[in-house]
């Protein structure tokens, strides 16, 4: 199966998870087609915008940073992330991410359910 870009739904989320600004989420695969997975999407975080702090119980989220620069807040502090980095959050851990760069921050988010 091939899913073309024109088949993908995009939604805008204001203040996602208590964050700042409007985040654009393109669903790469629709929920009905996912197995052992809750989400597989590309996300654009504009300059100065963020996804607020949230916890992952019984699931693991992977952020694959494609472009831009961000700051991720985890239990052990804040870390700078950029193109090629992967953020892994699960087992009751929480995280947030904000765009601190001068260009939009693009990432792919995948949430695997346990």
C-alpha atoms as a PDB file:
ATOM      1  CA  UNK A   1       0.000   0.000   0.000  1.00  0.00           C
ATOM      2  CA  UNK A   2       1.154   3.496  -0.826  1.00  0.00           C
ATOM      3  CA  UNK A   3      -0.416   6.507   0.833  1.00  0.00           C
ATOM      4  CA  UNK A   4       0.063   9.665  -1.209  1.00  0.00           C
ATOM      5  CA  UNK A   5       0.610  13.079   0.359  1.00  0.00           C
ATOM      6  CA  UNK A   6      -2.723  14.319  -1.018  1.00  0.00           C
ATOM      7  CA  UNK A   7      -4.537  11.611   0.999  1.00  0.00           C
ATOM      8  CA  UNK A   8      -3.066  12.786   4.308  1.00  0.00           C
ATOM      9  CA  UNK A   9      -5.147  14.885   6.667  1.00  0.00           C
ATOM     10  CA  UNK A  10      -3.608  17.921   8.340  1.00  0.00           C
ATOM     11  CA  UNK A  11      -4.964  19.522  11.493  1.00  0.00           C
ATOM     12  CA  UNK A  12      -3.980  22.670  13.344  1.00  0.00           C
ATOM     13  CA  UNK A  13      -3.784  22.532  17.135  1.00  0.00           C
ATOM     14  CA  UNK A  14      -3.786  25.705  19.181  1.00  0.00           C
ATOM     15  CA  UNK A  15      -1.727  25.554  22.368  1.00  0.00           C
ATOM     16  CA  UNK A  16      -1.119  21.805  21.977  1.00  0.00           C
ATOM     17  CA  UNK A  17      -0.802  20.098  25.380  1.00  0.00           C
ATOM     18  CA  UNK A  18      -0.679  23.564  26.950  1.00  0.00           C
ATOM     19  CA  UNK A  19       2.102  24.781  24.674  1.00  0.00           C
ATOM     20  CA  UNK A  20       2.357  28.074  22.784  1.00  0.00           C
ATOM     21  CA  UNK A  21       1.200  28.930  19.277  1.00  0.00           C
ATOM     22  CA  UNK A  22      -0.381  26.741  16.602  1.00  0.00           C
ATOM     23  CA  UNK A  23       1.178  23.387  15.667  1.00  0.00           C
ATOM     24  CA  UNK A  24       0.446  21.680  12.324  1.00  0.00           C
ATOM     25  CA  UNK A  25       0.012  17.880  12.404  1.00  0.00           C
ATOM     26  CA  UNK A  26      -0.140  15.815   9.203  1.00  0.00           C
ATOM     27  CA  UNK A  27      -1.357  12.270   9.838  1.00  0.00           C
ATOM     28  CA  UNK A  28       0.929  10.048   7.745  1.00  0.00           C
ATOM     29  CA  UNK A  29      -1.235   7.027   8.548  1.00  0.00           C
ATOM     30  CA  UNK A  30      -4.843   7.185   9.752  1.00  0.00           C
ATOM     31  CA  UNK A  31      -5.773   5.591  13.092  1.00  0.00           C
ATOM     32  CA  UNK A  32      -7.723   2.772  11.430  1.00  0.00           C
ATOM     33  CA  UNK A  33      -4.573   1.644   9.608  1.00  0.00           C
ATOM     34  CA  UNK A  34      -2.252   1.694  12.633  1.00  0.00           C
ATOM     35  CA  UNK A  35      -1.364  -1.495  14.518  1.00  0.00           C
ATOM     36  CA  UNK A  36       0.220  -1.340  18.013  1.00  0.00           C
ATOM     37  CA  UNK A  37       0.622   2.337  17.320  1.00  0.00           C
ATOM     38  CA  UNK A  38      -1.496   5.336  18.313  1.00  0.00           C
ATOM     39  CA  UNK A  39       0.063   8.024  16.127  1.00  0.00           C
ATOM     40  CA  UNK A  40       2.345   8.396  13.101  1.00  0.00           C
ATOM     41  CA  UNK A  41       2.487  12.026  12.012  1.00  0.00           C
ATOM     42  CA  UNK A  42       4.716  14.795  10.773  1.00  0.00           C
ATOM     43  CA  UNK A  43       4.587  17.903  12.924  1.00  0.00           C
ATOM     44  CA  UNK A  44       5.568  21.485  12.172  1.00  0.00           C
ATOM     45  CA  UNK A  45       6.250  23.731  15.152  1.00  0.00           C
ATOM     46  CA  UNK A  46       6.559  27.392  14.100  1.00  0.00           C
ATOM     47  CA  UNK A  47       9.241  29.725  15.458  1.00  0.00           C
ATOM     48  CA  UNK A  48       8.545  30.371  19.153  1.00  0.00           C
ATOM     49  CA  UNK A  49       5.791  27.738  19.389  1.00  0.00           C
ATOM     50  CA  UNK A  50       5.793  24.569  21.502  1.00  0.00           C
ATOM     51  CA  UNK A  51       4.079  21.349  22.540  1.00  0.00           C
ATOM     52  CA  UNK A  52       3.525  21.468  26.296  1.00  0.00           C
ATOM     53  CA  UNK A  53       4.612  18.994  28.952  1.00  0.00           C
ATOM     54  CA  UNK A  54       2.749  15.665  28.752  1.00  0.00           C
ATOM     55  CA  UNK A  55       3.197  12.111  30.075  1.00  0.00           C
ATOM     56  CA  UNK A  56       3.282   8.795  28.205  1.00  0.00           C
ATOM     57  CA  UNK A  57       1.726   5.913  30.185  1.00  0.00           C
ATOM     58  CA  UNK A  58       1.658   2.459  28.538  1.00  0.00           C
ATOM     59  CA  UNK A  59       3.190   3.873  25.355  1.00  0.00           C
ATOM     60  CA  UNK A  60       6.451   5.249  23.977  1.00  0.00           C
ATOM     61  CA  UNK A  61       6.726   8.331  21.798  1.00  0.00           C
ATOM     62  CA  UNK A  62       9.560   8.901  19.342  1.00  0.00           C
ATOM     63  CA  UNK A  63      10.300  12.363  17.946  1.00  0.00           C
ATOM     64  CA  UNK A  64      12.575  12.158  14.914  1.00  0.00           C
ATOM     65  CA  UNK A  65      13.888  15.660  14.293  1.00  0.00           C
ATOM     66  CA  UNK A  66      13.978  16.372  10.558  1.00  0.00           C
ATOM     67  CA  UNK A  67      14.767  20.115  10.415  1.00  0.00           C
ATOM     68  CA  UNK A  68      15.192  23.019  12.773  1.00  0.00           C
ATOM     69  CA  UNK A  69      16.315  23.417  16.372  1.00  0.00           C
ATOM     70  CA  UNK A  70      14.371  22.708  19.536  1.00  0.00           C
ATOM     71  CA  UNK A  71      14.634  22.369  23.285  1.00  0.00           C
ATOM     72  CA  UNK A  72      13.204  19.246  24.906  1.00  0.00           C
ATOM     73  CA  UNK A  73      12.415  19.261  28.626  1.00  0.00           C
ATOM     74  CA  UNK A  74      12.643  15.844  30.310  1.00  0.00           C
ATOM     75  CA  UNK A  75      12.950  14.720  33.940  1.00  0.00           C
ATOM     76  CA  UNK A  76      16.732  15.176  33.865  1.00  0.00           C
ATOM     77  CA  UNK A  77      16.653  18.660  32.377  1.00  0.00           C
ATOM     78  CA  UNK A  78      16.511  20.543  29.102  1.00  0.00           C
ATOM     79  CA  UNK A  79      18.358  19.379  25.991  1.00  0.00           C
ATOM     80  CA  UNK A  80      18.928  20.982  22.593  1.00  0.00           C
ATOM     81  CA  UNK A  81      17.845  18.858  19.608  1.00  0.00           C
ATOM     82  CA  UNK A  82      18.375  19.246  15.872  1.00  0.00           C
ATOM     83  CA  UNK A  83      18.240  17.443  12.553  1.00  0.00           C
ATOM     84  CA  UNK A  84      18.888  13.711  12.902  1.00  0.00           C
ATOM     85  CA  UNK A  85      18.266  13.545  16.654  1.00  0.00           C
ATOM     86  CA  UNK A  86      15.672  11.182  18.160  1.00  0.00           C
ATOM     87  CA  UNK A  87      13.791  11.871  21.404  1.00  0.00           C
ATOM     88  CA  UNK A  88      12.393   8.769  23.151  1.00  0.00           C
ATOM     89  CA  UNK A  89       9.806   9.144  25.931  1.00  0.00           C
ATOM     90  CA  UNK A  90       7.848   6.344  27.604  1.00  0.00           C
ATOM     91  CA  UNK A  91       7.236   4.301  30.764  1.00  0.00           C
ATOM     92  CA  UNK A  92       5.442   7.110  32.608  1.00  0.00           C
ATOM     93  CA  UNK A  93       7.998   9.755  31.633  1.00  0.00           C
ATOM     94  CA  UNK A  94       7.002  13.204  30.421  1.00  0.00           C
ATOM     95  CA  UNK A  95       8.425  15.717  27.966  1.00  0.00           C
ATOM     96  CA  UNK A  96       7.794  18.961  26.104  1.00  0.00           C
ATOM     97  CA  UNK A  97       9.395  20.504  23.039  1.00  0.00           C
ATOM     98  CA  UNK A  98       9.711  24.076  21.817  1.00  0.00           C
ATOM     99  CA  UNK A  99      11.153  25.659  18.731  1.00  0.00           C
ATOM    100  CA  UNK A 100      14.127  27.832  19.666  1.00  0.00           C
ATOM    101  CA  UNK A 101      15.501  28.229  16.148  1.00  0.00           C
ATOM    102  CA  UNK A 102      15.046  30.820  13.409  1.00  0.00           C
ATOM    103  CA  UNK A 103      13.125  28.412  11.119  1.00  0.00           C
ATOM    104  CA  UNK A 104      10.154  26.070  11.652  1.00  0.00           C
ATOM    105  CA  UNK A 105      10.918  22.851  13.558  1.00  0.00           C
ATOM    106  CA  UNK A 106       9.856  19.722  11.641  1.00  0.00           C
ATOM    107  CA  UNK A 107       9.654  16.307  13.266  1.00  0.00           C
ATOM    108  CA  UNK A 108       8.044  12.920  12.770  1.00  0.00           C
ATOM    109  CA  UNK A 109       6.170  11.657  15.851  1.00  0.00           C
ATOM    110  CA  UNK A 110       5.401   7.976  16.365  1.00  0.00           C
ATOM    111  CA  UNK A 111       3.560   6.679  19.442  1.00  0.00           C
ATOM    112  CA  UNK A 112       3.833   2.917  20.020  1.00  0.00           C
ATOM    113  CA  UNK A 113       1.333   1.374  22.455  1.00  0.00           C
ATOM    114  CA  UNK A 114       2.398  -1.298  24.957  1.00  0.00           C
END
